[in-house]
Amino acid sequence: MKQTVRVKINGRLYEEEAEPRQLLSYFLRETVGLTGTHIGCVIGECGACTILLDGKPVKSCLLFAVQVDGKEILTVEGLAQNGNLHPVQEAFVQGYALQCGYCTPGMILSSFYLLSHNPDPSEEEIRKALAGNLCMCTGYVQIVEAVKAAAKNLSGLQQSAISQRKPIVGLGADS
């Protein structure tokens, strides 16, 4: 028997039916149509399905869709604004921090979360924050460098916004 799931995803409210045992990762991809959340191991090891649930990174393959009723989700599709990539996404592209791209959405969301809470992380802090995300292609060097570049770019954007007194959308403790 299906249940109704009401969830805000990337700022938009969805009200969809889901089987009680449908994984959230499949709900996002198949029911809602947001295919940026990748499905890898389905046991919570690879991190390809990482999303932000009520502002915290979680692996969507470890939750049922019905468990997110009344909650808020951010997927990789929700980072870009007005057709412009978020600085974390841009840093991954510019730094060649992806090859096959399968792990990239989870890596980007984990990086976004880290930088939202620690705007100037050390390499050790970056590696620790990304420890739940596996990449089979890059060796992580480009990924770590992309996170460092994103931190630098976001710091510059914040300084610019402060001098112009403009808020930066999608970056801060309440993101």
N, C-alpha and C. Protein backbone atom coordinates (compact mmCIF):
# COMPACT_ATOMS: atom_id res chain seq x y z
N MET A 1 0.84 -1.18 0.00
CA MET A 1 0.00 0.00 0.00
C MET A 1 0.89 1.25 0.00
N LYS A 2 0.71 2.09 -0.98
CA LYS A 2 1.53 3.29 -1.12
C LYS A 2 1.15 4.33 -0.07
N GLN A 3 2.15 5.16 0.26
CA GLN A 3 1.94 6.25 1.20
C GLN A 3 2.30 7.56 0.51
N THR A 4 1.68 8.63 0.94
CA THR A 4 1.99 9.95 0.40
C THR A 4 3.21 10.51 1.12
N VAL A 5 4.13 11.01 0.32
CA VAL A 5 5.33 11.65 0.85
C VAL A 5 5.30 13.11 0.42
N ARG A 6 5.33 14.00 1.39
CA ARG A 6 5.41 15.45 1.13
C ARG A 6 6.81 15.89 1.55
N VAL A 7 7.56 16.36 0.60
CA VAL A 7 8.94 16.72 0.88
C VAL A 7 9.33 17.91 0.01
N LYS A 8 10.12 18.81 0.59
CA LYS A 8 10.64 19.95 -0.15
C LYS A 8 12.01 19.55 -0.70
N ILE A 9 12.15 19.59 -2.01
CA ILE A 9 13.40 19.22 -2.67
C ILE A 9 13.87 20.40 -3.51
N ASN A 10 15.06 20.86 -3.19
CA ASN A 10 15.65 21.99 -3.92
C ASN A 10 14.72 23.20 -3.95
N GLY A 11 14.01 23.40 -2.84
CA GLY A 11 13.13 24.55 -2.72
C GLY A 11 11.72 24.36 -3.26
N ARG A 12 11.46 23.22 -3.85
CA ARG A 12 10.13 22.95 -4.43
C ARG A 12 9.44 21.85 -3.63
N LEU A 13 8.17 22.05 -3.32
CA LEU A 13 7.40 21.06 -2.58
C LEU A 13 6.88 19.98 -3.51
N TYR A 14 7.13 18.74 -3.15
CA TYR A 14 6.64 17.57 -3.90
C TYR A 14 5.69 16.80 -3.00
N GLU A 15 4.65 16.27 -3.61
CA GLU A 15 3.71 15.38 -2.93
C GLU A 15 3.53 14.19 -3.85
N GLU A 16 4.18 13.08 -3.49
CA GLU A 16 4.21 11.90 -4.36
C GLU A 16 3.88 10.65 -3.56
N GLU A 17 3.45 9.63 -4.26
CA GLU A 17 3.18 8.34 -3.64
C GLU A 17 4.45 7.48 -3.67
N ALA A 18 4.65 6.71 -2.60
CA ALA A 18 5.81 5.83 -2.53
C ALA A 18 5.44 4.55 -1.80
N GLU A 19 6.01 3.45 -2.25
CA GLU A 19 5.89 2.19 -1.52
C GLU A 19 6.65 2.36 -0.21
N PRO A 20 6.18 1.76 0.88
CA PRO A 20 6.85 1.95 2.17
C PRO A 20 8.33 1.55 2.17
N ARG A 21 8.75 0.63 1.31
CA ARG A 21 10.14 0.18 1.31
C ARG A 21 10.94 0.72 0.11
N GLN A 22 10.40 1.74 -0.58
CA GLN A 22 11.15 2.34 -1.68
C GLN A 22 12.28 3.19 -1.12
N LEU A 23 13.50 2.91 -1.56
CA LEU A 23 14.64 3.69 -1.11
C LEU A 23 14.52 5.13 -1.59
N LEU A 24 15.00 6.05 -0.77
CA LEU A 24 14.95 7.46 -1.12
C LEU A 24 15.70 7.74 -2.41
N SER A 25 16.81 7.08 -2.62
CA SER A 25 17.59 7.30 -3.85
C SER A 25 16.76 6.98 -5.09
N TYR A 26 15.99 5.90 -5.04
CA TYR A 26 15.13 5.55 -6.18
C TYR A 26 13.95 6.51 -6.29
N PHE A 27 13.42 6.94 -5.16
CA PHE A 27 12.33 7.92 -5.15
C PHE A 27 12.77 9.20 -5.85
N LEU A 28 13.96 9.69 -5.51
CA LEU A 28 14.47 10.92 -6.11
C LEU A 28 14.65 10.76 -7.62
N ARG A 29 15.22 9.64 -8.03
CA ARG A 29 15.51 9.42 -9.45
C ARG A 29 14.26 9.07 -10.26
N GLU A 30 13.51 8.10 -9.78
CA GLU A 30 12.42 7.54 -10.58
C GLU A 30 11.09 8.26 -10.39
N THR A 31 10.77 8.61 -9.17
CA THR A 31 9.48 9.25 -8.91
C THR A 31 9.53 10.74 -9.18
N VAL A 32 10.56 11.39 -8.65
CA VAL A 32 10.68 12.85 -8.78
C VAL A 32 11.38 13.25 -10.08
N GLY A 33 12.26 12.39 -10.58
CA GLY A 33 12.94 12.67 -11.84
C GLY A 33 14.24 13.45 -11.71
N LEU A 34 14.81 13.49 -10.51
CA LEU A 34 16.08 14.16 -10.28
C LEU A 34 17.18 13.11 -10.32
N THR A 35 17.81 12.98 -11.45
CA THR A 35 18.75 11.88 -11.67
C THR A 35 20.19 12.22 -11.28
N GLY A 36 20.42 13.37 -10.70
CA GLY A 36 21.76 13.72 -10.24
C GLY A 36 22.22 12.87 -9.08
N THR A 37 21.29 12.38 -8.28
CA THR A 37 21.63 11.49 -7.19
C THR A 37 21.91 10.11 -7.78
N HIS A 38 23.15 9.69 -7.68
CA HIS A 38 23.54 8.41 -8.29
C HIS A 38 23.39 7.26 -7.30
N ILE A 39 23.13 6.09 -7.84
CA ILE A 39 22.99 4.88 -7.03
C ILE A 39 24.19 3.99 -7.34
N GLY A 40 24.96 3.72 -6.30
CA GLY A 40 26.15 2.89 -6.48
C GLY A 40 26.01 1.57 -5.76
N CYS A 41 26.45 1.54 -4.54
CA CYS A 41 26.55 0.28 -3.80
C CYS A 41 25.24 -0.15 -3.14
N VAL A 42 24.36 0.76 -2.83
CA VAL A 42 23.08 0.54 -2.14
C VAL A 42 23.27 -0.01 -0.72
N ILE A 43 24.46 0.17 -0.15
CA ILE A 43 24.70 -0.24 1.24
C ILE A 43 25.38 0.87 2.04
N GLY A 44 25.42 2.08 1.50
CA GLY A 44 25.95 3.21 2.23
C GLY A 44 27.46 3.34 2.25
N GLU A 45 28.15 2.64 1.39
CA GLU A 45 29.61 2.68 1.40
C GLU A 45 30.21 3.68 0.42
N CYS A 46 29.59 3.85 -0.75
CA CYS A 46 30.26 4.63 -1.81
C CYS A 46 29.99 6.12 -1.76
N GLY A 47 28.86 6.55 -1.24
CA GLY A 47 28.54 7.97 -1.14
C GLY A 47 28.02 8.62 -2.40
N ALA A 48 27.86 7.86 -3.48
CA ALA A 48 27.36 8.44 -4.73
C ALA A 48 25.95 9.02 -4.57
N CYS A 49 25.21 8.52 -3.61
CA CYS A 49 23.82 8.95 -3.42
C CYS A 49 23.68 10.02 -2.34
N THR A 50 24.78 10.62 -1.92
CA THR A 50 24.74 11.62 -0.85
C THR A 50 23.89 12.82 -1.25
N ILE A 51 23.02 13.21 -0.32
CA ILE A 51 22.18 14.40 -0.45
C ILE A 51 22.28 15.15 0.87
N LEU A 52 21.70 16.33 0.95
CA LEU A 52 21.57 17.00 2.23
C LEU A 52 20.12 16.90 2.67
N LEU A 53 19.91 16.32 3.83
CA LEU A 53 18.57 16.16 4.40
C LEU A 53 18.50 17.06 5.62
N ASP A 54 17.60 18.02 5.56
CA ASP A 54 17.50 19.04 6.62
C ASP A 54 18.89 19.61 6.93
N GLY A 55 19.66 19.84 5.86
CA GLY A 55 20.94 20.50 5.97
C GLY A 55 22.13 19.62 6.30
N LYS A 56 21.92 18.32 6.47
CA LYS A 56 23.02 17.43 6.83
C LYS A 56 23.21 16.36 5.76
N PRO A 57 24.47 16.00 5.48
CA PRO A 57 24.71 14.97 4.46
C PRO A 57 24.25 13.59 4.94
N VAL A 58 23.50 12.93 4.07
CA VAL A 58 23.06 11.55 4.33
C VAL A 58 23.15 10.77 3.03
N LYS A 59 23.23 9.48 3.18
CA LYS A 59 23.26 8.60 2.01
C LYS A 59 21.82 8.14 1.76
N SER A 60 21.29 8.56 0.63
CA SER A 60 19.87 8.34 0.34
C SER A 60 19.54 6.87 0.10
N CYS A 61 20.54 6.03 -0.09
CA CYS A 61 20.27 4.59 -0.24
C CYS A 61 20.00 3.92 1.10
N LEU A 62 20.23 4.64 2.19
CA LEU A 62 20.02 4.07 3.52
C LEU A 62 18.71 4.52 4.16
N LEU A 63 17.92 5.27 3.41
CA LEU A 63 16.64 5.76 3.91
C LEU A 63 15.51 5.34 2.98
N PHE A 64 14.35 5.15 3.56
CA PHE A 64 13.15 4.94 2.75
C PHE A 64 12.55 6.31 2.45
N ALA A 65 11.90 6.41 1.31
CA ALA A 65 11.28 7.68 0.92
C ALA A 65 10.28 8.16 1.97
N VAL A 66 9.52 7.25 2.56
CA VAL A 66 8.51 7.64 3.54
C VAL A 66 9.13 8.26 4.80
N GLN A 67 10.41 8.04 5.03
CA GLN A 67 11.08 8.61 6.19
C GLN A 67 11.36 10.10 6.04
N VAL A 68 11.26 10.64 4.83
CA VAL A 68 11.56 12.06 4.62
C VAL A 68 10.30 12.91 4.54
N ASP A 69 9.17 12.33 4.81
CA ASP A 69 7.92 13.09 4.80
C ASP A 69 8.06 14.29 5.74
N GLY A 70 7.78 15.49 5.21
CA GLY A 70 7.85 16.71 6.01
C GLY A 70 9.24 17.30 6.14
N LYS A 71 10.20 16.75 5.44
CA LYS A 71 11.59 17.22 5.56
C LYS A 71 12.00 18.01 4.32
N GLU A 72 13.24 18.48 4.33
CA GLU A 72 13.77 19.26 3.21
C GLU A 72 15.05 18.61 2.70
N ILE A 73 15.16 18.51 1.38
CA ILE A 73 16.30 17.87 0.72
C ILE A 73 16.95 18.84 -0.25
N LEU A 74 18.27 18.77 -0.31
CA LEU A 74 19.03 19.46 -1.34
C LEU A 74 19.80 18.40 -2.11
N THR A 75 19.60 18.38 -3.43
CA THR A 75 20.36 17.48 -4.30
C THR A 75 21.32 18.33 -5.11
N VAL A 76 22.19 17.67 -5.85
CA VAL A 76 23.18 18.40 -6.65
C VAL A 76 22.50 19.34 -7.64
N GLU A 77 21.32 19.00 -8.11
CA GLU A 77 20.60 19.88 -9.04
C GLU A 77 20.20 21.20 -8.39
N GLY A 78 20.08 21.21 -7.07
CA GLY A 78 19.64 22.41 -6.36
C GLY A 78 20.74 23.41 -6.07
N LEU A 79 21.98 23.06 -6.36
CA LEU A 79 23.08 24.00 -6.09
C LEU A 79 23.18 25.11 -7.13
N ALA A 80 23.02 24.79 -8.38
CA ALA A 80 23.12 25.80 -9.44
C ALA A 80 21.96 26.78 -9.30
N GLN A 81 22.25 28.05 -9.55
CA GLN A 81 21.23 29.10 -9.45
C GLN A 81 21.20 29.89 -10.75
N ASN A 82 20.02 30.06 -11.31
CA ASN A 82 19.83 30.86 -12.52
C ASN A 82 20.76 30.42 -13.66
N GLY A 83 20.96 29.12 -13.78
CA GLY A 83 21.79 28.59 -14.85
C GLY A 83 23.28 28.68 -14.59
N ASN A 84 23.67 29.16 -13.42
CA ASN A 84 25.09 29.28 -13.07
C ASN A 84 25.45 28.21 -12.04
N LEU A 85 26.56 27.53 -12.30
CA LEU A 85 27.02 26.54 -11.35
C LEU A 85 27.39 27.20 -10.03
N HIS A 86 27.18 26.46 -8.96
CA HIS A 86 27.64 26.92 -7.64
C HIS A 86 29.17 26.90 -7.66
N PRO A 87 29.83 27.75 -6.88
CA PRO A 87 31.30 27.76 -6.88
C PRO A 87 31.94 26.39 -6.59
N VAL A 88 31.30 25.54 -5.81
CA VAL A 88 31.85 24.20 -5.58
C VAL A 88 31.79 23.40 -6.87
N GLN A 89 30.66 23.46 -7.56
CA GLN A 89 30.53 22.76 -8.84
C GLN A 89 31.54 23.28 -9.84
N GLU A 90 31.67 24.60 -9.91
CA GLU A 90 32.59 25.22 -10.84
C GLU A 90 34.04 24.81 -10.56
N ALA A 91 34.40 24.73 -9.28
CA ALA A 91 35.76 24.33 -8.91
C ALA A 91 36.03 22.88 -9.34
N PHE A 92 35.05 22.02 -9.24
CA PHE A 92 35.22 20.63 -9.68
C PHE A 92 35.45 20.58 -11.19
N VAL A 93 34.71 21.38 -11.94
CA VAL A 93 34.88 21.41 -13.39
C VAL A 93 36.24 21.99 -13.74
N GLN A 94 36.56 23.16 -13.20
CA GLN A 94 37.81 23.84 -13.52
C GLN A 94 39.04 23.05 -13.09
N GLY A 95 38.92 22.30 -11.99
CA GLY A 95 40.05 21.55 -11.46
C GLY A 95 40.14 20.12 -11.94
N TYR A 96 39.30 19.77 -12.91
CA TYR A 96 39.28 18.40 -13.45
C TYR A 96 39.14 17.37 -12.32
N ALA A 97 38.25 17.67 -11.38
CA ALA A 97 38.06 16.82 -10.21
C ALA A 97 37.03 15.72 -10.45
N LEU A 98 36.85 15.39 -11.70
CA LEU A 98 35.93 14.31 -12.04
C LEU A 98 36.44 13.64 -13.30
N GLN A 99 36.17 12.37 -13.37
CA GLN A 99 36.49 11.66 -14.61
C GLN A 99 35.22 11.00 -15.12
N CYS A 100 34.85 9.89 -14.53
CA CYS A 100 33.61 9.27 -15.01
C CYS A 100 32.39 10.04 -14.50
N GLY A 101 32.55 10.76 -13.39
CA GLY A 101 31.46 11.59 -12.86
C GLY A 101 30.49 10.88 -11.96
N TYR A 102 30.68 9.59 -11.74
CA TYR A 102 29.69 8.86 -10.97
C TYR A 102 29.65 9.29 -9.51
N CYS A 103 30.80 9.51 -8.91
CA CYS A 103 30.86 9.92 -7.50
C CYS A 103 30.63 11.42 -7.32
N THR A 104 30.70 12.17 -8.40
CA THR A 104 30.75 13.63 -8.34
C THR A 104 29.59 14.27 -7.58
N PRO A 105 28.33 13.90 -7.79
CA PRO A 105 27.26 14.56 -7.03
C PRO A 105 27.43 14.43 -5.52
N GLY A 106 27.78 13.24 -5.07
CA GLY A 106 28.00 13.04 -3.64
C GLY A 106 29.20 13.80 -3.13
N MET A 107 30.28 13.82 -3.91
CA MET A 107 31.47 14.57 -3.53
C MET A 107 31.16 16.06 -3.43
N ILE A 108 30.42 16.57 -4.39
CA ILE A 108 30.08 18.00 -4.41
C ILE A 108 29.22 18.37 -3.21
N LEU A 109 28.21 17.56 -2.91
CA LEU A 109 27.35 17.89 -1.77
C LEU A 109 28.09 17.76 -0.45
N SER A 110 28.96 16.77 -0.32
CA SER A 110 29.77 16.66 0.90
C SER A 110 30.71 17.85 1.02
N SER A 111 31.27 18.29 -0.08
CA SER A 111 32.16 19.47 -0.10
C SER A 111 31.38 20.74 0.24
N PHE A 112 30.20 20.88 -0.35
CA PHE A 112 29.34 22.03 -0.08
C PHE A 112 29.03 22.11 1.42
N TYR A 113 28.67 20.96 2.00
CA TYR A 113 28.36 20.93 3.43
C TYR A 113 29.59 21.34 4.25
N LEU A 114 30.74 20.76 3.93
CA LEU A 114 31.96 21.11 4.64
C LEU A 114 32.21 22.61 4.59
N LEU A 115 32.18 23.19 3.40
CA LEU A 115 32.50 24.61 3.25
C LEU A 115 31.44 25.51 3.85
N SER A 116 30.23 25.01 3.99
CA SER A 116 29.17 25.78 4.65
C SER A 116 29.43 25.90 6.15
N HIS A 117 30.17 24.93 6.69
CA HIS A 117 30.43 24.89 8.12
C HIS A 117 31.88 25.20 8.48
N ASN A 118 32.75 25.10 7.50
CA ASN A 118 34.18 25.36 7.72
C ASN A 118 34.71 26.01 6.45
N PRO A 119 34.68 27.33 6.37
CA PRO A 119 35.04 28.01 5.12
C PRO A 119 36.52 27.94 4.74
N ASP A 120 37.37 27.51 5.67
CA ASP A 120 38.80 27.42 5.37
C ASP A 120 39.38 26.12 5.93
N PRO A 121 38.96 24.99 5.37
CA PRO A 121 39.40 23.70 5.92
C PRO A 121 40.84 23.37 5.51
N SER A 122 41.50 22.63 6.37
CA SER A 122 42.82 22.10 6.04
C SER A 122 42.64 20.90 5.11
N GLU A 123 43.74 20.45 4.52
CA GLU A 123 43.65 19.27 3.66
C GLU A 123 43.15 18.06 4.46
N GLU A 124 43.60 17.93 5.68
CA GLU A 124 43.15 16.82 6.53
C GLU A 124 41.64 16.90 6.77
N GLU A 125 41.13 18.10 7.02
CA GLU A 125 39.70 18.27 7.25
C GLU A 125 38.90 17.96 5.99
N ILE A 126 39.43 18.34 4.84
CA ILE A 126 38.76 18.03 3.57
C ILE A 126 38.70 16.53 3.38
N ARG A 127 39.82 15.86 3.55
CA ARG A 127 39.87 14.40 3.37
C ARG A 127 38.94 13.69 4.34
N LYS A 128 38.87 14.17 5.57
CA LYS A 128 37.96 13.57 6.55
C LYS A 128 36.50 13.77 6.14
N ALA A 129 36.17 14.97 5.67
CA ALA A 129 34.80 15.26 5.25
C ALA A 129 34.38 14.41 4.05
N LEU A 130 35.34 14.05 3.21
CA LEU A 130 35.05 13.26 2.00
C LEU A 130 35.25 11.77 2.21
N ALA A 131 35.59 11.36 3.42
CA ALA A 131 35.90 9.95 3.69
C ALA A 131 34.73 9.00 3.38
N GLY A 132 33.52 9.49 3.42
CA GLY A 132 32.36 8.65 3.13
C GLY A 132 32.00 8.60 1.65
N ASN A 133 32.84 9.18 0.82
CA ASN A 133 32.60 9.21 -0.63
C ASN A 133 33.79 8.56 -1.33
N LEU A 134 33.52 7.52 -2.09
CA LEU A 134 34.58 6.80 -2.79
C LEU A 134 34.65 7.21 -4.25
N CYS A 135 35.87 7.31 -4.75
CA CYS A 135 36.11 7.59 -6.16
C CYS A 135 37.07 6.54 -6.69
N MET A 136 36.72 5.93 -7.78
CA MET A 136 37.56 4.89 -8.37
C MET A 136 38.48 5.45 -9.46
N CYS A 137 38.31 6.70 -9.85
CA CYS A 137 39.01 7.23 -11.02
C CYS A 137 40.12 8.23 -10.71
N THR A 138 39.88 9.17 -9.78
CA THR A 138 40.76 10.34 -9.71
C THR A 138 41.95 10.21 -8.78
N GLY A 139 41.90 9.35 -7.79
CA GLY A 139 42.96 9.33 -6.79
C GLY A 139 42.82 10.43 -5.77
N TYR A 140 41.76 11.21 -5.83
CA TYR A 140 41.37 12.22 -4.85
C TYR A 140 42.19 13.51 -4.90
N VAL A 141 43.34 13.53 -5.52
CA VAL A 141 44.18 14.73 -5.52
C VAL A 141 43.41 15.90 -6.13
N GLN A 142 42.83 15.71 -7.31
CA GLN A 142 42.10 16.80 -7.96
C GLN A 142 40.87 17.20 -7.15
N ILE A 143 40.25 16.24 -6.50
CA ILE A 143 39.05 16.54 -5.70
C ILE A 143 39.42 17.43 -4.52
N VAL A 144 40.47 17.07 -3.80
CA VAL A 144 40.91 17.88 -2.66
C VAL A 144 41.31 19.27 -3.13
N GLU A 145 42.02 19.35 -4.23
CA GLU A 145 42.43 20.66 -4.77
C GLU A 145 41.20 21.48 -5.18
N ALA A 146 40.18 20.83 -5.73
CA ALA A 146 38.95 21.54 -6.11
C ALA A 146 38.25 22.10 -4.89
N VAL A 147 38.22 21.36 -3.80
CA VAL A 147 37.59 21.85 -2.57
C VAL A 147 38.37 23.06 -2.04
N LYS A 148 39.70 22.99 -2.09
CA LYS A 148 40.52 24.13 -1.67
C LYS A 148 40.22 25.35 -2.54
N ALA A 149 40.13 25.14 -3.84
CA ALA A 149 39.83 26.25 -4.77
C ALA A 149 38.45 26.81 -4.50
N ALA A 150 37.48 25.94 -4.25
CA ALA A 150 36.12 26.40 -3.95
C ALA A 150 36.11 27.23 -2.67
N ALA A 151 36.86 26.79 -1.67
CA ALA A 151 36.94 27.56 -0.41
C ALA A 151 37.49 28.95 -0.68
N LYS A 152 38.53 29.02 -1.48
CA LYS A 152 39.14 30.31 -1.82
C LYS A 152 38.15 31.19 -2.60
N ASN A 153 37.49 30.58 -3.59
CA ASN A 153 36.52 31.33 -4.39
C ASN A 153 35.35 31.81 -3.54
N LEU A 154 34.85 30.96 -2.65
CA LEU A 154 33.74 31.36 -1.80
C LEU A 154 34.16 32.46 -0.83
N SER A 155 35.37 32.39 -0.34
CA SER A 155 35.88 33.43 0.54
C SER A 155 35.91 34.77 -0.19
N GLY A 156 36.37 34.75 -1.44
CA GLY A 156 36.37 35.97 -2.25
C GLY A 156 34.98 36.49 -2.52
N LEU A 157 34.04 35.58 -2.76
CA LEU A 157 32.64 35.99 -2.98
C LEU A 157 32.05 36.61 -1.72
N GLN A 158 32.37 36.02 -0.57
CA GLN A 158 31.86 36.56 0.68
C GLN A 158 32.42 37.95 0.93
N GLN A 159 33.71 38.14 0.70
CA GLN A 159 34.30 39.46 0.89
C GLN A 159 33.66 40.48 -0.05
N SER A 160 33.41 40.06 -1.30
CA SER A 160 32.77 40.94 -2.27
C SER A 160 31.34 41.27 -1.84
N ALA A 161 30.63 40.27 -1.35
CA ALA A 161 29.24 40.48 -0.91
C ALA A 161 29.19 41.40 0.30
N ILE A 162 30.16 41.23 1.21
CA ILE A 162 30.20 42.09 2.39
C ILE A 162 30.44 43.53 1.99
N SER A 163 31.37 43.74 1.07
CA SER A 163 31.66 45.11 0.65
C SER A 163 30.49 45.73 -0.12
N GLN A 164 29.70 44.88 -0.78
CA GLN A 164 28.54 45.37 -1.51
C GLN A 164 27.26 45.20 -0.71
N ARG A 165 27.36 44.60 0.48
CA ARG A 165 26.22 44.34 1.37
C ARG A 165 25.15 43.49 0.71
N LYS A 166 25.58 42.40 0.05
CA LYS A 166 24.66 41.48 -0.60
C LYS A 166 24.80 40.12 0.06
N PRO A 167 23.67 39.43 0.32
CA PRO A 167 23.76 38.08 0.88
C PRO A 167 24.19 37.07 -0.20
N ILE A 168 24.93 36.07 0.22
CA ILE A 168 25.29 34.98 -0.69
C ILE A 168 24.25 33.88 -0.51
N VAL A 169 23.55 33.54 -1.55
CA VAL A 169 22.51 32.53 -1.50
C VAL A 169 23.13 31.14 -1.42
N GLY A 170 22.61 30.30 -0.53
CA GLY A 170 23.02 28.90 -0.47
C GLY A 170 24.34 28.66 0.24
N LEU A 171 24.78 29.58 1.05
CA LEU A 171 26.00 29.36 1.79
C LEU A 171 25.84 29.95 3.17
N GLY A 172 25.92 29.12 4.15
CA GLY A 172 25.81 29.57 5.53
C GLY A 172 25.28 28.47 6.40
N ALA A 173 25.26 28.72 7.69
CA ALA A 173 24.86 27.71 8.65
C ALA A 173 23.42 27.28 8.48
N ASP A 174 22.58 28.14 7.94
CA ASP A 174 21.17 27.78 7.78
C ASP A 174 20.88 27.18 6.41
N SER A 175 21.91 26.93 5.61
CA SER A 175 21.72 26.37 4.26
C SER A 175 21.32 24.92 4.35
